[in-house]
Amino acid sequence: MTQVVLGENEGIDSALRRFKRQVSKAGILADVKFHRHFETPSEKRKRKLVLARRNRRF
C-alpha cells in the first residue's frame, strides 16, 4: 500500500506528485494493466522474458 504523509506546509500538488512517483516506482499501475484481461500462456512467457531481460540489465 502506497502512502504519502503531508508535511506541515506542503501543498496538495507536491503531495500528489510524490504519490504518483511512488505508485509508478512500485509498479502498481503496470500490475493493474496486466490483470485487466486474460493473458494467454504465450503472452505470459513473453512478458516474463522481457522482465528477466530488464532485470538482468540492471
PDB file of N, CA and C in Angstrom:
ATOM      1  N   MET A   1       0.838  -1.172   0.000  1.00  0.00           N
ATOM      2  CA  MET A   1       0.000   0.000   0.000  1.00  0.00           C
ATOM      3  C   MET A   1       0.886   1.240   0.000  1.00  0.00           C
ATOM      4  N   THR A   2       0.636   2.120  -0.910  1.00  0.00           N
ATOM      5  CA  THR A   2       1.407   3.346  -1.024  1.00  0.00           C
ATOM      6  C   THR A   2       0.756   4.450  -0.202  1.00  0.00           C
ATOM      7  N   GLN A   3       1.580   5.143   0.567  1.00  0.00           N
ATOM      8  CA  GLN A   3       1.082   6.227   1.407  1.00  0.00           C
ATOM      9  C   GLN A   3       1.945   7.459   1.217  1.00  0.00           C
ATOM     10  N   VAL A   4       1.332   8.606   1.399  1.00  0.00           N
ATOM     11  CA  VAL A   4       2.051   9.875   1.391  1.00  0.00           C
ATOM     12  C   VAL A   4       1.574  10.656   2.604  1.00  0.00           C
ATOM     13  N   VAL A   5       2.517  11.011   3.460  1.00  0.00           N
ATOM     14  CA  VAL A   5       2.189  11.812   4.640  1.00  0.00           C
ATOM     15  C   VAL A   5       2.499  13.266   4.305  1.00  0.00           C
ATOM     16  N   LEU A   6       1.515  14.119   4.479  1.00  0.00           N
ATOM     17  CA  LEU A   6       1.692  15.528   4.164  1.00  0.00           C
ATOM     18  C   LEU A   6       2.563  16.217   5.206  1.00  0.00           C
ATOM     19  N   GLY A   7       3.471  17.058   4.724  1.00  0.00           N
ATOM     20  CA  GLY A   7       4.255  17.872   5.617  1.00  0.00           C
ATOM     21  C   GLY A   7       3.412  19.030   6.131  1.00  0.00           C
ATOM     22  N   GLU A   8       3.933  19.759   7.087  1.00  0.00           N
ATOM     23  CA  GLU A   8       3.154  20.834   7.707  1.00  0.00           C
ATOM     24  C   GLU A   8       2.753  21.919   6.709  1.00  0.00           C
ATOM     25  N   ASN A   9       3.707  22.382   5.909  1.00  0.00           N
ATOM     26  CA  ASN A   9       3.408  23.451   4.941  1.00  0.00           C
ATOM     27  C   ASN A   9       3.461  22.957   3.505  1.00  0.00           C
ATOM     28  N   GLU A  10       3.158  21.695   3.291  1.00  0.00           N
ATOM     29  CA  GLU A  10       3.249  21.116   1.949  1.00  0.00           C
ATOM     30  C   GLU A  10       1.916  21.270   1.214  1.00  0.00           C
ATOM     31  N   GLY A  11       1.997  21.638  -0.035  1.00  0.00           N
ATOM     32  CA  GLY A  11       0.788  21.790  -0.838  1.00  0.00           C
ATOM     33  C   GLY A  11       0.294  20.453  -1.363  1.00  0.00           C
ATOM     34  N   ILE A  12      -0.956  20.433  -1.758  1.00  0.00           N
ATOM     35  CA  ILE A  12      -1.556  19.202  -2.268  1.00  0.00           C
ATOM     36  C   ILE A  12      -0.921  18.787  -3.590  1.00  0.00           C
ATOM     37  N   ASP A  13      -0.463  19.757  -4.388  1.00  0.00           N
ATOM     38  CA  ASP A  13       0.150  19.448  -5.675  1.00  0.00           C
ATOM     39  C   ASP A  13       1.442  18.650  -5.507  1.00  0.00           C
ATOM     40  N   SER A  14       2.285  19.072  -4.583  1.00  0.00           N
ATOM     41  CA  SER A  14       3.544  18.354  -4.391  1.00  0.00           C
ATOM     42  C   SER A  14       3.300  16.980  -3.771  1.00  0.00           C
ATOM     43  N   ALA A  15       2.301  16.876  -2.911  1.00  0.00           N
ATOM     44  CA  ALA A  15       1.978  15.576  -2.314  1.00  0.00           C
ATOM     45  C   ALA A  15       1.437  14.626  -3.380  1.00  0.00           C
ATOM     46  N   LEU A  16       0.622  15.137  -4.272  1.00  0.00           N
ATOM     47  CA  LEU A  16       0.090  14.312  -5.350  1.00  0.00           C
ATOM     48  C   LEU A  16       1.211  13.860  -6.282  1.00  0.00           C
ATOM     49  N   ARG A  17       2.149  14.749  -6.555  1.00  0.00           N
ATOM     50  CA  ARG A  17       3.300  14.400  -7.391  1.00  0.00           C
ATOM     51  C   ARG A  17       4.125  13.292  -6.739  1.00  0.00           C
ATOM     52  N   ARG A  18       4.356  13.414  -5.413  1.00  0.00           N
ATOM     53  CA  ARG A  18       5.094  12.368  -4.695  1.00  0.00           C
ATOM     54  C   ARG A  18       4.347  11.040  -4.723  1.00  0.00           C
ATOM     55  N   PHE A  19       3.023  11.099  -4.560  1.00  0.00           N
ATOM     56  CA  PHE A  19       2.210   9.891  -4.588  1.00  0.00           C
ATOM     57  C   PHE A  19       2.296   9.202  -5.950  1.00  0.00           C
ATOM     58  N   LYS A  20       2.182   9.968  -7.020  1.00  0.00           N
ATOM     59  CA  LYS A  20       2.265   9.398  -8.365  1.00  0.00           C
ATOM     60  C   LYS A  20       3.619   8.757  -8.607  1.00  0.00           C
ATOM     61  N   ARG A  21       4.679   9.409  -8.127  1.00  0.00           N
ATOM     62  CA  ARG A  21       6.026   8.863  -8.284  1.00  0.00           C
ATOM     63  C   ARG A  21       6.162   7.535  -7.536  1.00  0.00           C
ATOM     64  N   GLN A  22       5.631   7.465  -6.320  1.00  0.00           N
ATOM     65  CA  GLN A  22       5.701   6.237  -5.539  1.00  0.00           C
ATOM     66  C   GLN A  22       4.892   5.119  -6.187  1.00  0.00           C
ATOM     67  N   VAL A  23       3.741   5.450  -6.744  1.00  0.00           N
ATOM     68  CA  VAL A  23       2.907   4.441  -7.405  1.00  0.00           C
ATOM     69  C   VAL A  23       3.620   3.890  -8.637  1.00  0.00           C
ATOM     70  N   SER A  24       4.237   4.756  -9.410  1.00  0.00           N
ATOM     71  CA  SER A  24       4.929   4.273 -10.599  1.00  0.00           C
ATOM     72  C   SER A  24       6.170   3.464 -10.228  1.00  0.00           C
ATOM     73  N   LYS A  25       6.874   3.846  -9.169  1.00  0.00           N
ATOM     74  CA  LYS A  25       8.028   3.073  -8.712  1.00  0.00           C
ATOM     75  C   LYS A  25       7.622   1.693  -8.239  1.00  0.00           C
ATOM     76  N   ALA A  26       6.490   1.612  -7.564  1.00  0.00           N
ATOM     77  CA  ALA A  26       6.017   0.333  -7.038  1.00  0.00           C
ATOM     78  C   ALA A  26       5.460  -0.563  -8.137  1.00  0.00           C
ATOM     79  N   GLY A  27       5.153   0.000  -9.307  1.00  0.00           N
ATOM     80  CA  GLY A  27       4.646  -0.791 -10.412  1.00  0.00           C
ATOM     81  C   GLY A  27       3.188  -1.178 -10.257  1.00  0.00           C
ATOM     82  N   ILE A  28       2.450  -0.402  -9.519  1.00  0.00           N
ATOM     83  CA  ILE A  28       1.043  -0.730  -9.248  1.00  0.00           C
ATOM     84  C   ILE A  28       0.206  -0.622 -10.512  1.00  0.00           C
ATOM     85  N   LEU A  29       0.379   0.441 -11.273  1.00  0.00           N
ATOM     86  CA  LEU A  29      -0.428   0.620 -12.485  1.00  0.00           C
ATOM     87  C   LEU A  29      -0.092  -0.435 -13.534  1.00  0.00           C
ATOM     88  N   ALA A  30       1.179  -0.805 -13.650  1.00  0.00           N
ATOM     89  CA  ALA A  30       1.557  -1.856 -14.595  1.00  0.00           C
ATOM     90  C   ALA A  30       0.920  -3.177 -14.199  1.00  0.00           C
ATOM     91  N   ASP A  31       0.876  -3.454 -12.910  1.00  0.00           N
ATOM     92  CA  ASP A  31       0.258  -4.684 -12.424  1.00  0.00           C
ATOM     93  C   ASP A  31      -1.240  -4.693 -12.713  1.00  0.00           C
ATOM     94  N   VAL A  32      -1.886  -3.565 -12.551  1.00  0.00           N
ATOM     95  CA  VAL A  32      -3.323  -3.472 -12.851  1.00  0.00           C
ATOM     96  C   VAL A  32      -3.568  -3.709 -14.335  1.00  0.00           C
ATOM     97  N   LYS A  33      -2.709  -3.159 -15.187  1.00  0.00           N
ATOM     98  CA  LYS A  33      -2.851  -3.371 -16.626  1.00  0.00           C
ATOM     99  C   LYS A  33      -2.738  -4.846 -16.979  1.00  0.00           C
ATOM    100  N   PHE A  34      -1.782  -5.550 -16.354  1.00  0.00           N
ATOM    101  CA  PHE A  34      -1.583  -6.965 -16.657  1.00  0.00           C
ATOM    102  C   PHE A  34      -2.778  -7.797 -16.238  1.00  0.00           C
ATOM    103  N   HIS A  35      -3.433  -7.430 -15.165  1.00  0.00           N
ATOM    104  CA  HIS A  35      -4.543  -8.223 -14.659  1.00  0.00           C
ATOM    105  C   HIS A  35      -5.903  -7.749 -15.166  1.00  0.00           C
ATOM    106  N   ARG A  36      -5.914  -6.789 -16.054  1.00  0.00           N
ATOM    107  CA  ARG A  36      -7.168  -6.248 -16.552  1.00  0.00           C
ATOM    108  C   ARG A  36      -7.876  -7.238 -17.490  1.00  0.00           C
ATOM    109  N   HIS A  37      -7.131  -8.065 -18.203  1.00  0.00           N
ATOM    110  CA  HIS A  37      -7.718  -9.029 -19.130  1.00  0.00           C
ATOM    111  C   HIS A  37      -6.965 -10.357 -19.032  1.00  0.00           C
ATOM    112  N   PHE A  38      -7.543 -11.401 -19.629  1.00  0.00           N
ATOM    113  CA  PHE A  38      -6.920 -12.712 -19.597  1.00  0.00           C
ATOM    114  C   PHE A  38      -5.631 -12.695 -20.395  1.00  0.00           C
ATOM    115  N   GLU A  39      -4.608 -13.350 -19.856  1.00  0.00           N
ATOM    116  CA  GLU A  39      -3.309 -13.398 -20.504  1.00  0.00           C
ATOM    117  C   GLU A  39      -3.043 -14.832 -20.955  1.00  0.00           C
ATOM    118  N   THR A  40      -2.823 -15.025 -22.239  1.00  0.00           N
ATOM    119  CA  THR A  40      -2.561 -16.361 -22.755  1.00  0.00           C
ATOM    120  C   THR A  40      -1.188 -16.831 -22.276  1.00  0.00           C
ATOM    121  N   PRO A  41      -0.940 -18.130 -22.275  1.00  0.00           N
ATOM    122  CA  PRO A  41       0.371 -18.632 -21.839  1.00  0.00           C
ATOM    123  C   PRO A  41       1.533 -18.069 -22.648  1.00  0.00           C
ATOM    124  N   SER A  42       1.332 -17.864 -23.951  1.00  0.00           N
ATOM    125  CA  SER A  42       2.427 -17.302 -24.754  1.00  0.00           C
ATOM    126  C   SER A  42       2.701 -15.848 -24.371  1.00  0.00           C
ATOM    127  N   GLU A  43       1.653 -15.072 -24.073  1.00  0.00           N
ATOM    128  CA  GLU A  43       1.844 -13.689 -23.624  1.00  0.00           C
ATOM    129  C   GLU A  43       2.558 -13.659 -22.279  1.00  0.00           C
ATOM    130  N   LYS A  44       2.208 -14.594 -21.416  1.00  0.00           N
ATOM    131  CA  LYS A  44       2.832 -14.658 -20.094  1.00  0.00           C
ATOM    132  C   LYS A  44       4.326 -14.956 -20.221  1.00  0.00           C
ATOM    133  N   ARG A  45       4.687 -15.916 -21.110  1.00  0.00           N
ATOM    134  CA  ARG A  45       6.103 -16.241 -21.332  1.00  0.00           C
ATOM    135  C   ARG A  45       6.850 -15.039 -21.877  1.00  0.00           C
ATOM    136  N   LYS A  46       6.237 -14.355 -22.844  1.00  0.00           N
ATOM    137  CA  LYS A  46       6.883 -13.193 -23.452  1.00  0.00           C
ATOM    138  C   LYS A  46       7.109 -12.097 -22.413  1.00  0.00           C
ATOM    139  N   ARG A  47       6.108 -11.854 -21.556  1.00  0.00           N
ATOM    140  CA  ARG A  47       6.237 -10.823 -20.523  1.00  0.00           C
ATOM    141  C   ARG A  47       7.339 -11.182 -19.538  1.00  0.00           C
ATOM    142  N   LYS A  48       7.412 -12.464 -19.154  1.00  0.00           N
ATOM    143  CA  LYS A  48       8.447 -12.886 -18.215  1.00  0.00           C
ATOM    144  C   LYS A  48       9.834 -12.777 -18.825  1.00  0.00           C
ATOM    145  N   LEU A  49       9.967 -13.076 -20.118  1.00  0.00           N
ATOM    146  CA  LEU A  49      11.254 -12.924 -20.787  1.00  0.00           C
ATOM    147  C   LEU A  49      11.703 -11.468 -20.809  1.00  0.00           C
ATOM    148  N   VAL A  50      10.788 -10.579 -21.124  1.00  0.00           N
ATOM    149  CA  VAL A  50      11.110  -9.148 -21.154  1.00  0.00           C
ATOM    150  C   VAL A  50      11.498  -8.675 -19.759  1.00  0.00           C
ATOM    151  N   LEU A  51      10.758  -9.118 -18.749  1.00  0.00           N
ATOM    152  CA  LEU A  51      11.062  -8.726 -17.377  1.00  0.00           C
ATOM    153  C   LEU A  51      12.433  -9.250 -16.946  1.00  0.00           C
ATOM    154  N   ALA A  52      12.754 -10.498 -17.298  1.00  0.00           N
ATOM    155  CA  ALA A  52      14.058 -11.072 -16.944  1.00  0.00           C
ATOM    156  C   ALA A  52      15.184 -10.319 -17.646  1.00  0.00           C
ATOM    157  N   ARG A  53      14.954  -9.961 -18.911  1.00  0.00           N
ATOM    158  CA  ARG A  53      15.965  -9.197 -19.648  1.00  0.00           C
ATOM    159  C   ARG A  53      16.206  -7.858 -19.007  1.00  0.00           C
ATOM    160  N   ARG A  54      15.122  -7.195 -18.582  1.00  0.00           N
ATOM    161  CA  ARG A  54      15.226  -5.892 -17.948  1.00  0.00           C
ATOM    162  C   ARG A  54      15.965  -5.998 -16.616  1.00  0.00           C
ATOM    163  N   ASN A  55      15.637  -7.023 -15.818  1.00  0.00           N
ATOM    164  CA  ASN A  55      16.291  -7.191 -14.519  1.00  0.00           C
ATOM    165  C   ASN A  55      17.754  -7.569 -14.666  1.00  0.00           C
ATOM    166  N   ARG A  56      18.104  -8.328 -15.700  1.00  0.00           N
ATOM    167  CA  ARG A  56      19.490  -8.723 -15.916  1.00  0.00           C
ATOM    168  C   ARG A  56      20.340  -7.527 -16.305  1.00  0.00           C
ATOM    169  N   ARG A  57      19.740  -6.564 -17.015  1.00  0.00           N
ATOM    170  CA  ARG A  57      20.475  -5.390 -17.475  1.00  0.00           C
ATOM    171  C   ARG A  57      20.865  -4.498 -16.303  1.00  0.00           C
ATOM    172  N   PHE A  58      20.018  -4.444 -15.277  1.00  0.00           N
ATOM    173  CA  PHE A  58      20.300  -3.565 -14.137  1.00  0.00           C
ATOM    174  C   PHE A  58      20.894  -4.308 -13.055  1.00  0.00           C
TER     175      PHE A  58
END
